Amino acid sequence: MNGRRWFPRAPRGGTRRHRGRDRERGQATVEFAFLLPLVILAVLAVIQVGLVVRDQLGVVHAAREAARAASVDPDPGRAVRAAHRTLPGADVDIGARPKVGGVEVGVLFPDPDLHATSVMRVEK
């Protein structure tokens, strides 16, 4: 053998095992390209729901502050100011003042317009 080593060579054109890999070479990239818009849409939907929930909590809190202010002072301006301190720019409607001790609570929050109603017992 003259001191030479003989190494087997693969046949030209690659083996059957390598040919299958070449056909599937970009499969993961294509799947990622199809899936990425759906993932982005789902993430944006979750963020949008979170923002609506945050805004709803702000509206409910402003309504409660206005009702609390109206329960201790018959001046409707004080209730409006209390709501604006909590949620600047809020549209506040003041209803009729109930009799002393009357309690009624209701919350309405459709989507996308957010509304909240809060009524508190009148204190002396």
PDB file of N, CA and C in Angstrom:
ATOM      1  N   MET A   1       0.811  -1.196   0.000  1.00  0.00           N
ATOM      2  CA  MET A   1       0.000   0.000   0.000  1.00  0.00           C
ATOM      3  C   MET A   1       0.857   1.263   0.000  1.00  0.00           C
ATOM      4  N   ASN A   2       2.033   1.284  -0.089  1.00  0.00           N
ATOM      5  CA  ASN A   2       2.912   2.427  -0.242  1.00  0.00           C
ATOM      6  C   ASN A   2       2.767   3.464   0.864  1.00  0.00           C
ATOM      7  N   GLY A   3       2.221   3.172   1.973  1.00  0.00           N
ATOM      8  CA  GLY A   3       2.072   4.139   3.044  1.00  0.00           C
ATOM      9  C   GLY A   3       0.917   5.107   2.833  1.00  0.00           C
ATOM     10  N   ARG A   4       0.196   4.942   1.768  1.00  0.00           N
ATOM     11  CA  ARG A   4      -0.968   5.809   1.531  1.00  0.00           C
ATOM     12  C   ARG A   4      -2.216   5.207   2.175  1.00  0.00           C
ATOM     13  N   ARG A   5      -3.055   6.086   2.613  1.00  0.00           N
ATOM     14  CA  ARG A   5      -4.337   5.616   3.157  1.00  0.00           C
ATOM     15  C   ARG A   5      -5.432   5.886   2.146  1.00  0.00           C
ATOM     16  N   TRP A   6      -6.316   4.993   2.129  1.00  0.00           N
ATOM     17  CA  TRP A   6      -7.420   5.127   1.177  1.00  0.00           C
ATOM     18  C   TRP A   6      -8.681   5.510   1.932  1.00  0.00           C
ATOM     19  N   PHE A   7      -9.356   6.596   1.499  1.00  0.00           N
ATOM     20  CA  PHE A   7     -10.608   7.036   2.107  1.00  0.00           C
ATOM     21  C   PHE A   7     -11.715   6.920   1.076  1.00  0.00           C
ATOM     22  N   PRO A   8     -12.837   6.332   1.480  1.00  0.00           N
ATOM     23  CA  PRO A   8     -13.926   6.219   0.496  1.00  0.00           C
ATOM     24  C   PRO A   8     -14.539   7.584   0.226  1.00  0.00           C
ATOM     25  N   ARG A   9     -14.935   7.798  -1.007  1.00  0.00           N
ATOM     26  CA  ARG A   9     -15.583   9.043  -1.392  1.00  0.00           C
ATOM     27  C   ARG A   9     -17.069   8.815  -1.594  1.00  0.00           C
ATOM     28  N   ALA A  10     -17.829   9.859  -1.278  1.00  0.00           N
ATOM     29  CA  ALA A  10     -19.260   9.781  -1.535  1.00  0.00           C
ATOM     30  C   ALA A  10     -19.494   9.942  -3.028  1.00  0.00           C
ATOM     31  N   PRO A  11     -20.495   9.290  -3.568  1.00  0.00           N
ATOM     32  CA  PRO A  11     -20.760   9.450  -4.996  1.00  0.00           C
ATOM     33  C   PRO A  11     -21.151  10.887  -5.315  1.00  0.00           C
ATOM     34  N   ARG A  12     -20.875  11.312  -6.530  1.00  0.00           N
ATOM     35  CA  ARG A  12     -21.196  12.679  -6.920  1.00  0.00           C
ATOM     36  C   ARG A  12     -22.704  12.874  -6.920  1.00  0.00           C
ATOM     37  N   GLY A  13     -23.094  14.138  -6.556  1.00  0.00           N
ATOM     38  CA  GLY A  13     -24.527  14.423  -6.478  1.00  0.00           C
ATOM     39  C   GLY A  13     -25.071  14.207  -5.082  1.00  0.00           C
ATOM     40  N   GLY A  14     -24.249  13.805  -4.157  1.00  0.00           N
ATOM     41  CA  GLY A  14     -24.684  13.626  -2.771  1.00  0.00           C
ATOM     42  C   GLY A  14     -25.379  12.305  -2.557  1.00  0.00           C
ATOM     43  N   THR A  15     -25.539  11.966  -1.330  1.00  0.00           N
ATOM     44  CA  THR A  15     -26.236  10.730  -0.996  1.00  0.00           C
ATOM     45  C   THR A  15     -27.717  11.005  -0.886  1.00  0.00           C
ATOM     46  N   ARG A  16     -28.444   9.952  -0.795  1.00  0.00           N
ATOM     47  CA  ARG A  16     -29.897  10.073  -0.686  1.00  0.00           C
ATOM     48  C   ARG A  16     -30.280  10.852   0.574  1.00  0.00           C
ATOM     49  N   ARG A  17     -29.531  10.684   1.623  1.00  0.00           N
ATOM     50  CA  ARG A  17     -29.807  11.356   2.889  1.00  0.00           C
ATOM     51  C   ARG A  17     -29.667  12.872   2.725  1.00  0.00           C
ATOM     52  N   HIS A  18     -28.687  13.349   2.030  1.00  0.00           N
ATOM     53  CA  HIS A  18     -28.457  14.779   1.845  1.00  0.00           C
ATOM     54  C   HIS A  18     -29.447  15.403   0.862  1.00  0.00           C
ATOM     55  N   ARG A  19     -29.899  14.651  -0.122  1.00  0.00           N
ATOM     56  CA  ARG A  19     -30.855  15.189  -1.095  1.00  0.00           C
ATOM     57  C   ARG A  19     -32.164  15.581  -0.420  1.00  0.00           C
ATOM     58  N   GLY A  20     -32.637  14.814   0.552  1.00  0.00           N
ATOM     59  CA  GLY A  20     -33.877  15.130   1.268  1.00  0.00           C
ATOM     60  C   GLY A  20     -33.758  16.412   2.076  1.00  0.00           C
ATOM     61  N   ARG A  21     -32.596  16.647   2.651  1.00  0.00           N
ATOM     62  CA  ARG A  21     -32.382  17.872   3.420  1.00  0.00           C
ATOM     63  C   ARG A  21     -32.414  19.101   2.524  1.00  0.00           C
ATOM     64  N   ASP A  22     -31.884  18.992   1.333  1.00  0.00           N
ATOM     65  CA  ASP A  22     -31.880  20.138   0.416  1.00  0.00           C
ATOM     66  C   ASP A  22     -33.295  20.559   0.050  1.00  0.00           C
ATOM     67  N   ARG A  23     -34.189  19.592  -0.105  1.00  0.00           N
ATOM     68  CA  ARG A  23     -35.567  19.934  -0.457  1.00  0.00           C
ATOM     69  C   ARG A  23     -36.294  20.629   0.694  1.00  0.00           C
ATOM     70  N   GLU A  24     -35.935  20.359   1.937  1.00  0.00           N
ATOM     71  CA  GLU A  24     -36.604  20.929   3.108  1.00  0.00           C
ATOM     72  C   GLU A  24     -35.832  22.102   3.692  1.00  0.00           C
ATOM     73  N   ARG A  25     -34.899  22.618   2.969  1.00  0.00           N
ATOM     74  CA  ARG A  25     -33.973  23.595   3.516  1.00  0.00           C
ATOM     75  C   ARG A  25     -34.651  24.867   4.028  1.00  0.00           C
ATOM     76  N   GLY A  26     -35.625  25.452   3.366  1.00  0.00           N
ATOM     77  CA  GLY A  26     -36.260  26.704   3.789  1.00  0.00           C
ATOM     78  C   GLY A  26     -37.598  26.513   4.471  1.00  0.00           C
ATOM     79  N   GLN A  27     -37.926  25.313   4.876  1.00  0.00           N
ATOM     80  CA  GLN A  27     -39.241  25.039   5.450  1.00  0.00           C
ATOM     81  C   GLN A  27     -39.496  25.827   6.730  1.00  0.00           C
ATOM     82  N   ALA A  28     -38.549  25.893   7.625  1.00  0.00           N
ATOM     83  CA  ALA A  28     -38.741  26.612   8.888  1.00  0.00           C
ATOM     84  C   ALA A  28     -38.945  28.104   8.631  1.00  0.00           C
ATOM     85  N   THR A  29     -38.238  28.660   7.674  1.00  0.00           N
ATOM     86  CA  THR A  29     -38.389  30.080   7.360  1.00  0.00           C
ATOM     87  C   THR A  29     -39.773  30.375   6.800  1.00  0.00           C
ATOM     88  N   VAL A  30     -40.250  29.517   5.941  1.00  0.00           N
ATOM     89  CA  VAL A  30     -41.587  29.712   5.361  1.00  0.00           C
ATOM     90  C   VAL A  30     -42.661  29.582   6.437  1.00  0.00           C
ATOM     91  N   GLU A  31     -42.534  28.588   7.307  1.00  0.00           N
ATOM     92  CA  GLU A  31     -43.506  28.432   8.393  1.00  0.00           C
ATOM     93  C   GLU A  31     -43.494  29.634   9.323  1.00  0.00           C
ATOM     94  N   PHE A  32     -42.322  30.146   9.613  1.00  0.00           N
ATOM     95  CA  PHE A  32     -42.205  31.332  10.462  1.00  0.00           C
ATOM     96  C   PHE A  32     -42.850  32.542   9.784  1.00  0.00           C
ATOM     97  N   ALA A  33     -42.659  32.672   8.473  1.00  0.00           N
ATOM     98  CA  ALA A  33     -43.250  33.798   7.740  1.00  0.00           C
ATOM     99  C   ALA A  33     -44.774  33.722   7.740  1.00  0.00           C
ATOM    100  N   PHE A  34     -45.339  32.527   7.709  1.00  0.00           N
ATOM    101  CA  PHE A  34     -46.797  32.389   7.768  1.00  0.00           C
ATOM    102  C   PHE A  34     -47.334  32.622   9.172  1.00  0.00           C
ATOM    103  N   LEU A  35     -46.587  32.231  10.178  1.00  0.00           N
ATOM    104  CA  LEU A  35     -47.052  32.303  11.555  1.00  0.00           C
ATOM    105  C   LEU A  35     -46.835  33.665  12.204  1.00  0.00           C
ATOM    106  N   LEU A  36     -45.822  34.400  11.793  1.00  0.00           N
ATOM    107  CA  LEU A  36     -45.483  35.674  12.426  1.00  0.00           C
ATOM    108  C   LEU A  36     -46.627  36.694  12.421  1.00  0.00           C
ATOM    109  N   PRO A  37     -47.356  36.908  11.317  1.00  0.00           N
ATOM    110  CA  PRO A  37     -48.468  37.867  11.370  1.00  0.00           C
ATOM    111  C   PRO A  37     -49.560  37.472  12.366  1.00  0.00           C
ATOM    112  N   LEU A  38     -49.817  36.184  12.504  1.00  0.00           N
ATOM    113  CA  LEU A  38     -50.828  35.743  13.474  1.00  0.00           C
ATOM    114  C   LEU A  38     -50.377  35.995  14.904  1.00  0.00           C
ATOM    115  N   VAL A  39     -49.105  35.765  15.172  1.00  0.00           N
ATOM    116  CA  VAL A  39     -48.568  36.010  16.515  1.00  0.00           C
ATOM    117  C   VAL A  39     -48.621  37.501  16.828  1.00  0.00           C
ATOM    118  N   ILE A  40     -48.245  38.336  15.879  1.00  0.00           N
ATOM    119  CA  ILE A  40     -48.288  39.786  16.088  1.00  0.00           C
ATOM    120  C   ILE A  40     -49.724  40.245  16.312  1.00  0.00           C
ATOM    121  N   LEU A  41     -50.669  39.715  15.540  1.00  0.00           N
ATOM    122  CA  LEU A  41     -52.075  40.079  15.717  1.00  0.00           C
ATOM    123  C   LEU A  41     -52.584  39.685  17.100  1.00  0.00           C
ATOM    124  N   ALA A  42     -52.207  38.515  17.580  1.00  0.00           N
ATOM    125  CA  ALA A  42     -52.638  38.069  18.911  1.00  0.00           C
ATOM    126  C   ALA A  42     -52.050  38.962  20.000  1.00  0.00           C
ATOM    127  N   VAL A  43     -50.793  39.328  19.872  1.00  0.00           N
ATOM    128  CA  VAL A  43     -50.162  40.202  20.868  1.00  0.00           C
ATOM    129  C   VAL A  43     -50.827  41.576  20.877  1.00  0.00           C
ATOM    130  N   LEU A  44     -51.111  42.118  19.704  1.00  0.00           N
ATOM    131  CA  LEU A  44     -51.778  43.418  19.643  1.00  0.00           C
ATOM    132  C   LEU A  44     -53.193  43.363  20.210  1.00  0.00           C
ATOM    133  N   ALA A  45     -53.892  42.252  20.010  1.00  0.00           N
ATOM    134  CA  ALA A  45     -55.234  42.102  20.580  1.00  0.00           C
ATOM    135  C   ALA A  45     -55.180  42.079  22.105  1.00  0.00           C
ATOM    136  N   VAL A  46     -54.203  41.394  22.665  1.00  0.00           N
ATOM    137  CA  VAL A  46     -54.058  41.346  24.128  1.00  0.00           C
ATOM    138  C   VAL A  46     -53.731  42.735  24.673  1.00  0.00           C
ATOM    139  N   ILE A  47     -52.863  43.466  23.982  1.00  0.00           N
ATOM    140  CA  ILE A  47     -52.525  44.824  24.418  1.00  0.00           C
ATOM    141  C   ILE A  47     -53.754  45.726  24.354  1.00  0.00           C
ATOM    142  N   GLN A  48     -54.556  45.614  23.288  1.00  0.00           N
ATOM    143  CA  GLN A  48     -55.751  46.450  23.150  1.00  0.00           C
ATOM    144  C   GLN A  48     -56.756  46.162  24.259  1.00  0.00           C
ATOM    145  N   VAL A  49     -56.960  44.898  24.590  1.00  0.00           N
ATOM    146  CA  VAL A  49     -57.874  44.543  25.680  1.00  0.00           C
ATOM    147  C   VAL A  49     -57.369  45.121  26.996  1.00  0.00           C
ATOM    148  N   GLY A  50     -56.075  45.057  27.229  1.00  0.00           N
ATOM    149  CA  GLY A  50     -55.502  45.634  28.447  1.00  0.00           C
ATOM    150  C   GLY A  50     -55.724  47.135  28.542  1.00  0.00           C
ATOM    151  N   LEU A  51     -55.597  47.837  27.417  1.00  0.00           N
ATOM    152  CA  LEU A  51     -55.825  49.279  27.421  1.00  0.00           C
ATOM    153  C   LEU A  51     -57.295  49.622  27.696  1.00  0.00           C
ATOM    154  N   VAL A  52     -58.216  48.849  27.131  1.00  0.00           N
ATOM    155  CA  VAL A  52     -59.647  49.096  27.385  1.00  0.00           C
ATOM    156  C   VAL A  52     -59.982  48.834  28.844  1.00  0.00           C
ATOM    157  N   VAL A  53     -59.431  47.780  29.426  1.00  0.00           N
ATOM    158  CA  VAL A  53     -59.680  47.483  30.847  1.00  0.00           C
ATOM    159  C   VAL A  53     -59.124  48.605  31.718  1.00  0.00           C
ATOM    160  N   ARG A  54     -57.922  49.093  31.401  1.00  0.00           N
ATOM    161  CA  ARG A  54     -57.333  50.205  32.165  1.00  0.00           C
ATOM    162  C   ARG A  54     -58.228  51.442  32.097  1.00  0.00           C
ATOM    163  N   ASP A  55     -58.724  51.778  30.901  1.00  0.00           N
ATOM    164  CA  ASP A  55     -59.594  52.941  30.763  1.00  0.00           C
ATOM    165  C   ASP A  55     -60.914  52.759  31.510  1.00  0.00           C
ATOM    166  N   GLN A  56     -61.448  51.531  31.481  1.00  0.00           N
ATOM    167  CA  GLN A  56     -62.693  51.271  32.203  1.00  0.00           C
ATOM    168  C   GLN A  56     -62.504  51.467  33.697  1.00  0.00           C
ATOM    169  N   LEU A  57     -61.384  51.008  34.226  1.00  0.00           N
ATOM    170  CA  LEU A  57     -61.120  51.201  35.653  1.00  0.00           C
ATOM    171  C   LEU A  57     -61.030  52.685  35.997  1.00  0.00           C
ATOM    172  N   GLY A  58     -60.432  53.483  35.126  1.00  0.00           N
ATOM    173  CA  GLY A  58     -60.362  54.925  35.348  1.00  0.00           C
ATOM    174  C   GLY A  58     -61.738  55.574  35.355  1.00  0.00           C
ATOM    175  N   VAL A  59     -62.608  55.142  34.441  1.00  0.00           N
ATOM    176  CA  VAL A  59     -63.969  55.693  34.382  1.00  0.00           C
ATOM    177  C   VAL A  59     -64.753  55.325  35.637  1.00  0.00           C
ATOM    178  N   VAL A  60     -64.649  54.072  36.060  1.00  0.00           N
ATOM    179  CA  VAL A  60     -65.367  53.646  37.272  1.00  0.00           C
ATOM    180  C   VAL A  60     -64.841  54.402  38.493  1.00  0.00           C
ATOM    181  N   HIS A  61     -63.540  54.590  38.578  1.00  0.00           N
ATOM    182  CA  HIS A  61     -62.971  55.311  39.712  1.00  0.00           C
ATOM    183  C   HIS A  61     -63.445  56.772  39.727  1.00  0.00           C
ATOM    184  N   ALA A  62     -63.497  57.411  38.570  1.00  0.00           N
ATOM    185  CA  ALA A  62     -63.978  58.795  38.496  1.00  0.00           C
ATOM    186  C   ALA A  62     -65.450  58.881  38.898  1.00  0.00           C
ATOM    187  N   ALA A  63     -66.253  57.898  38.476  1.00  0.00           N
ATOM    188  CA  ALA A  63     -67.672  57.900  38.853  1.00  0.00           C
ATOM    189  C   ALA A  63     -67.842  57.730  40.363  1.00  0.00           C
ATOM    190  N   ARG A  64     -67.035  56.883  40.961  1.00  0.00           N
ATOM    191  CA  ARG A  64     -67.124  56.696  42.417  1.00  0.00           C
ATOM    192  C   ARG A  64     -66.704  57.954  43.171  1.00  0.00           C
ATOM    193  N   GLU A  65     -65.645  58.613  42.694  1.00  0.00           N
ATOM    194  CA  GLU A  65     -65.216  59.852  43.346  1.00  0.00           C
ATOM    195  C   GLU A  65     -66.285  60.935  43.233  1.00  0.00           C
ATOM    196  N   ALA A  66     -66.924  61.028  42.070  1.00  0.00           N
ATOM    197  CA  ALA A  66     -67.990  62.018  41.889  1.00  0.00           C
ATOM    198  C   ALA A  66     -69.179  61.699  42.794  1.00  0.00           C
ATOM    199  N   ALA A  67     -69.531  60.428  42.890  1.00  0.00           N
ATOM    200  CA  ALA A  67     -70.656  60.041  43.750  1.00  0.00           C
ATOM    201  C   ALA A  67     -70.333  60.303  45.218  1.00  0.00           C
ATOM    202  N   ARG A  68     -69.108  60.048  45.615  1.00  0.00           N
ATOM    203  CA  ARG A  68     -68.719  60.318  47.002  1.00  0.00           C
ATOM    204  C   ARG A  68     -68.792  61.812  47.301  1.00  0.00           C
ATOM    205  N   ALA A  69     -68.288  62.642  46.372  1.00  0.00           N
ATOM    206  CA  ALA A  69     -68.344  64.088  46.582  1.00  0.00           C
ATOM    207  C   ALA A  69     -69.782  64.577  46.615  1.00  0.00           C
ATOM    208  N   ALA A  70     -70.634  64.025  45.763  1.00  0.00           N
ATOM    209  CA  ALA A  70     -72.039  64.433  45.741  1.00  0.00           C
ATOM    210  C   ALA A  70     -72.792  63.953  46.974  1.00  0.00           C
ATOM    211  N   SER A  71     -72.326  62.882  47.609  1.00  0.00           N
ATOM    212  CA  SER A  71     -73.034  62.369  48.779  1.00  0.00           C
ATOM    213  C   SER A  71     -72.824  63.242  50.005  1.00  0.00           C
ATOM    214  N   VAL A  72     -71.740  64.003  50.054  1.00  0.00           N
ATOM    215  CA  VAL A  72     -71.484  64.839  51.222  1.00  0.00           C
ATOM    216  C   VAL A  72     -71.777  66.319  50.962  1.00  0.00           C
ATOM    217  N   ASP A  73     -71.947  66.716  49.708  1.00  0.00           N
ATOM    218  CA  ASP A  73     -72.204  68.114  49.380  1.00  0.00           C
ATOM    219  C   ASP A  73     -73.251  68.171  48.270  1.00  0.00           C
ATOM    220  N   PRO A  74     -74.336  68.901  48.478  1.00  0.00           N
ATOM    221  CA  PRO A  74     -75.383  68.955  47.450  1.00  0.00           C
ATOM    222  C   PRO A  74     -74.976  69.740  46.200  1.00  0.00           C
ATOM    223  N   ASP A  75     -73.865  70.437  46.216  1.00  0.00           N
ATOM    224  CA  ASP A  75     -73.415  71.210  45.055  1.00  0.00           C
ATOM    225  C   ASP A  75     -72.943  70.256  43.955  1.00  0.00           C
ATOM    226  N   PRO A  76     -73.602  70.241  42.775  1.00  0.00           N
ATOM    227  CA  PRO A  76     -73.182  69.332  41.704  1.00  0.00           C
ATOM    228  C   PRO A  76     -71.804  69.672  41.139  1.00  0.00           C
ATOM    229  N   GLY A  77     -71.372  70.922  41.277  1.00  0.00           N
ATOM    230  CA  GLY A  77     -70.060  71.309  40.787  1.00  0.00           C
ATOM    231  C   GLY A  77     -68.936  70.587  41.508  1.00  0.00           C
ATOM    232  N   ARG A  78     -69.149  70.285  42.773  1.00  0.00           N
ATOM    233  CA  ARG A  78     -68.111  69.569  43.533  1.00  0.00           C
ATOM    234  C   ARG A  78     -67.933  68.152  42.996  1.00  0.00           C
ATOM    235  N   ALA A  79     -69.028  67.508  42.609  1.00  0.00           N
ATOM    236  CA  ALA A  79     -68.941  66.160  42.040  1.00  0.00           C
ATOM    237  C   ALA A  79     -68.209  66.182  40.699  1.00  0.00           C
ATOM    238  N   VAL A  80     -68.486  67.198  39.894  1.00  0.00           N
ATOM    239  CA  VAL A  80     -67.814  67.318  38.593  1.00  0.00           C
ATOM    240  C   VAL A  80     -66.321  67.537  38.798  1.00  0.00           C
ATOM    241  N   ARG A  81     -65.971  68.400  39.738  1.00  0.00           N
ATOM    242  CA  ARG A  81     -64.552  68.647  40.008  1.00  0.00           C
ATOM    243  C   ARG A  81     -63.856  67.396  40.525  1.00  0.00           C
ATOM    244  N   ALA A  82     -64.524  66.609  41.356  1.00  0.00           N
ATOM    245  CA  ALA A  82     -63.938  65.374  41.872  1.00  0.00           C
ATOM    246  C   ALA A  82     -63.687  64.379  40.741  1.00  0.00           C
ATOM    247  N   ALA A  83     -64.622  64.286  39.820  1.00  0.00           N
ATOM    248  CA  ALA A  83     -64.436  63.372  38.681  1.00  0.00           C
ATOM    249  C   ALA A  83     -63.298  63.851  37.786  1.00  0.00           C
ATOM    250  N   HIS A  84     -63.194  65.156  37.575  1.00  0.00           N
ATOM    251  CA  HIS A  84     -62.128  65.701  36.720  1.00  0.00           C
ATOM    252  C   HIS A  84     -60.748  65.583  37.371  1.00  0.00           C
ATOM    253  N   ARG A  85     -60.697  65.595  38.706  1.00  0.00           N
ATOM    254  CA  ARG A  85     -59.413  65.363  39.372  1.00  0.00           C
ATOM    255  C   ARG A  85     -58.923  63.938  39.110  1.00  0.00           C
ATOM    256  N   THR A  86     -59.850  63.003  39.084  1.00  0.00           N
ATOM    257  CA  THR A  86     -59.499  61.607  38.859  1.00  0.00           C
ATOM    258  C   THR A  86     -59.271  61.304  37.383  1.00  0.00           C
ATOM    259  N   LEU A  87     -60.142  61.831  36.525  1.00  0.00           N
ATOM    260  CA  LEU A  87     -60.064  61.562  35.088  1.00  0.00           C
ATOM    261  C   LEU A  87     -60.279  62.869  34.332  1.00  0.00           C
ATOM    262  N   PRO A  88     -59.200  63.605  34.049  1.00  0.00           N
ATOM    263  CA  PRO A  88     -59.335  64.891  33.363  1.00  0.00           C
ATOM    264  C   PRO A  88     -60.026  64.723  32.004  1.00  0.00           C
ATOM    265  N   GLY A  89     -60.920  65.643  31.710  1.00  0.00           N
ATOM    266  CA  GLY A  89     -61.626  65.596  30.434  1.00  0.00           C
ATOM    267  C   GLY A  89     -62.832  64.677  30.421  1.00  0.00           C
ATOM    268  N   ALA A  90     -63.205  64.118  31.563  1.00  0.00           N
ATOM    269  CA  ALA A  90     -64.356  63.219  31.620  1.00  0.00           C
ATOM    270  C   ALA A  90     -65.644  64.003  31.426  1.00  0.00           C
ATOM    271  N   ASP A  91     -66.608  63.370  30.770  1.00  0.00           N
ATOM    272  CA  ASP A  91     -67.938  63.955  30.597  1.00  0.00           C
ATOM    273  C   ASP A  91     -68.790  63.475  31.765  1.00  0.00           C
ATOM    274  N   VAL A  92     -69.177  64.401  32.651  1.00  0.00           N
ATOM    275  CA  VAL A  92     -69.869  64.034  33.882  1.00  0.00           C
ATOM    276  C   VAL A  92     -71.307  64.542  33.825  1.00  0.00           C
ATOM    277  N   ASP A  93     -72.257  63.639  34.046  1.00  0.00           N
ATOM    278  CA  ASP A  93     -73.674  63.996  34.145  1.00  0.00           C
ATOM    279  C   ASP A  93     -74.115  63.756  35.585  1.00  0.00           C
ATOM    280  N   ILE A  94     -74.712  64.764  36.201  1.00  0.00           N
ATOM    281  CA  ILE A  94     -75.178  64.664  37.580  1.00  0.00           C
ATOM    282  C   ILE A  94     -76.692  64.505  37.549  1.00  0.00           C
ATOM    283  N   GLY A  95     -77.180  63.425  38.173  1.00  0.00           N
ATOM    284  CA  GLY A  95     -78.616  63.178  38.237  1.00  0.00           C
ATOM    285  C   GLY A  95     -79.222  63.812  39.477  1.00  0.00           C
ATOM    286  N   ALA A  96     -80.499  63.513  39.686  1.00  0.00           N
ATOM    287  CA  ALA A  96     -81.217  64.047  40.842  1.00  0.00           C
ATOM    288  C   ALA A  96     -80.664  63.443  42.131  1.00  0.00           C
ATOM    289  N   ARG A  97     -80.627  64.272  43.161  1.00  0.00           N
ATOM    290  CA  ARG A  97     -80.124  63.816  44.459  1.00  0.00           C
ATOM    291  C   ARG A  97     -81.231  63.031  45.152  1.00  0.00           C
ATOM    292  N   PRO A  98     -80.950  61.752  45.549  1.00  0.00           N
ATOM    293  CA  PRO A  98     -81.985  60.950  46.204  1.00  0.00           C
ATOM    294  C   PRO A  98     -82.195  61.387  47.646  1.00  0.00           C
ATOM    295  N   LYS A  99     -83.209  60.810  48.291  1.00  0.00           N
ATOM    296  CA  LYS A  99     -83.467  61.118  49.694  1.00  0.00           C
ATOM    297  C   LYS A  99     -82.323  60.605  50.565  1.00  0.00           C
ATOM    298  N   VAL A 100     -82.244  61.099  51.760  1.00  0.00           N
ATOM    299  CA  VAL A 100     -81.187  60.708  52.681  1.00  0.00           C
ATOM    300  C   VAL A 100     -81.304  59.219  52.985  1.00  0.00           C
ATOM    301  N   GLY A 101     -80.191  58.497  52.829  1.00  0.00           N
ATOM    302  CA  GLY A 101     -80.167  57.061  53.114  1.00  0.00           C
ATOM    303  C   GLY A 101     -80.441  56.190  51.911  1.00  0.00           C
ATOM    304  N   GLY A 102     -80.872  56.751  50.794  1.00  0.00           N
ATOM    305  CA  GLY A 102     -81.159  55.952  49.598  1.00  0.00           C
ATOM    306  C   GLY A 102     -79.866  55.462  48.949  1.00  0.00           C
ATOM    307  N   VAL A 103     -79.860  54.196  48.531  1.00  0.00           N
ATOM    308  CA  VAL A 103     -78.670  53.625  47.903  1.00  0.00           C
ATOM    309  C   VAL A 103     -79.070  52.946  46.605  1.00  0.00           C
ATOM    310  N   GLU A 104     -78.305  53.208  45.551  1.00  0.00           N
ATOM    311  CA  GLU A 104     -78.513  52.546  44.271  1.00  0.00           C
ATOM    312  C   GLU A 104     -77.161  52.557  43.552  1.00  0.00           C
ATOM    313  N   VAL A 105     -76.725  51.404  43.089  1.00  0.00           N
ATOM    314  CA  VAL A 105     -75.431  51.312  42.411  1.00  0.00           C
ATOM    315  C   VAL A 105     -75.634  50.594  41.084  1.00  0.00           C
ATOM    316  N   GLY A 106     -75.053  51.141  40.041  1.00  0.00           N
ATOM    317  CA  GLY A 106     -75.119  50.496  38.733  1.00  0.00           C
ATOM    318  C   GLY A 106     -73.889  50.825  37.923  1.00  0.00           C
ATOM    319  N   VAL A 107     -73.470  49.882  37.097  1.00  0.00           N
ATOM    320  CA  VAL A 107     -72.310  50.107  36.248  1.00  0.00           C
ATOM    321  C   VAL A 107     -72.664  49.625  34.847  1.00  0.00           C
ATOM    322  N   LEU A 108     -72.383  50.475  33.872  1.00  0.00           N
ATOM    323  CA  LEU A 108     -72.637  50.117  32.482  1.00  0.00           C
ATOM    324  C   LEU A 108     -71.366  50.413  31.707  1.00  0.00           C
ATOM    325  N   PHE A 109     -70.792  49.428  31.043  1.00  0.00           N
ATOM    326  CA  PHE A 109     -69.565  49.680  30.294  1.00  0.00           C
ATOM    327  C   PHE A 109     -69.547  48.917  28.973  1.00  0.00           C
ATOM    328  N   PRO A 110     -70.224  49.504  27.965  1.00  0.00           N
ATOM    329  CA  PRO A 110     -70.177  48.881  26.638  1.00  0.00           C
ATOM    330  C   PRO A 110     -68.841  49.146  25.964  1.00  0.00           C
ATOM    331  N   ASP A 111     -68.592  48.451  24.885  1.00  0.00           N
ATOM    332  CA  ASP A 111     -67.341  48.627  24.164  1.00  0.00           C
ATOM    333  C   ASP A 111     -67.646  49.255  22.820  1.00  0.00           C
ATOM    334  N   PRO A 112     -66.990  50.264  22.338  1.00  0.00           N
ATOM    335  CA  PRO A 112     -65.795  50.895  22.856  1.00  0.00           C
ATOM    336  C   PRO A 112     -66.061  52.101  23.734  1.00  0.00           C
ATOM    337  N   ASP A 113     -67.304  52.647  23.775  1.00  0.00           N
ATOM    338  CA  ASP A 113     -67.594  53.763  24.678  1.00  0.00           C
ATOM    339  C   ASP A 113     -67.682  53.229  26.101  1.00  0.00           C
ATOM    340  N   LEU A 114     -66.976  53.892  27.003  1.00  0.00           N
ATOM    341  CA  LEU A 114     -66.951  53.449  28.390  1.00  0.00           C
ATOM    342  C   LEU A 114     -67.783  54.392  29.237  1.00  0.00           C
ATOM    343  N   HIS A 115     -68.692  53.818  30.012  1.00  0.00           N
ATOM    344  CA  HIS A 115     -69.563  54.583  30.896  1.00  0.00           C
ATOM    345  C   HIS A 115     -69.550  53.913  32.257  1.00  0.00           C
ATOM    346  N   ALA A 116     -69.739  54.703  33.284  1.00  0.00           N
ATOM    347  CA  ALA A 116     -69.869  54.132  34.625  1.00  0.00           C
ATOM    348  C   ALA A 116     -70.830  55.012  35.410  1.00  0.00           C
ATOM    349  N   THR A 117     -71.671  54.373  36.179  1.00  0.00           N
ATOM    350  CA  THR A 117     -72.617  55.088  37.017  1.00  0.00           C
ATOM    351  C   THR A 117     -72.406  54.624  38.445  1.00  0.00           C
ATOM    352  N   SER A 118     -72.363  55.578  39.327  1.00  0.00           N
ATOM    353  CA  SER A 118     -72.194  55.237  40.726  1.00  0.00           C
ATOM    354  C   SER A 118     -73.069  56.153  41.554  1.00  0.00           C
ATOM    355  N   VAL A 119     -73.819  55.571  42.455  1.00  0.00           N
ATOM    356  CA  VAL A 119     -74.696  56.337  43.334  1.00  0.00           C
ATOM    357  C   VAL A 119     -74.346  55.960  44.758  1.00  0.00           C
ATOM    358  N   MET A 120     -74.277  56.976  45.621  1.00  0.00           N
ATOM    359  CA  MET A 120     -73.884  56.732  47.008  1.00  0.00           C
ATOM    360  C   MET A 120     -74.942  57.313  47.928  1.00  0.00           C
ATOM    361  N   ARG A 121     -75.071  56.741  49.092  1.00  0.00           N
ATOM    362  CA  ARG A 121     -76.040  57.206  50.078  1.00  0.00           C
ATOM    363  C   ARG A 121     -75.667  58.613  50.522  1.00  0.00           C
ATOM    364  N   VAL A 122     -76.646  59.485  50.650  1.00  0.00           N
ATOM    365  CA  VAL A 122     -76.413  60.861  51.078  1.00  0.00           C
ATOM    366  C   VAL A 122     -76.121  60.879  52.569  1.00  0.00           C
ATOM    367  N   GLU A 123     -75.045  61.555  52.929  1.00  0.00           N
ATOM    368  CA  GLU A 123     -74.664  61.680  54.331  1.00  0.00           C
ATOM    369  C   GLU A 123     -75.065  63.048  54.841  1.00  0.00           C
ATOM    370  N   LYS A 124     -75.329  63.149  56.129  1.00  0.00           N
ATOM    371  CA  LYS A 124     -75.693  64.433  56.728  1.00  0.00           C
ATOM    372  C   LYS A 124     -74.481  65.225  57.065  1.00  0.00           C
TER     373      LYS A 124
END
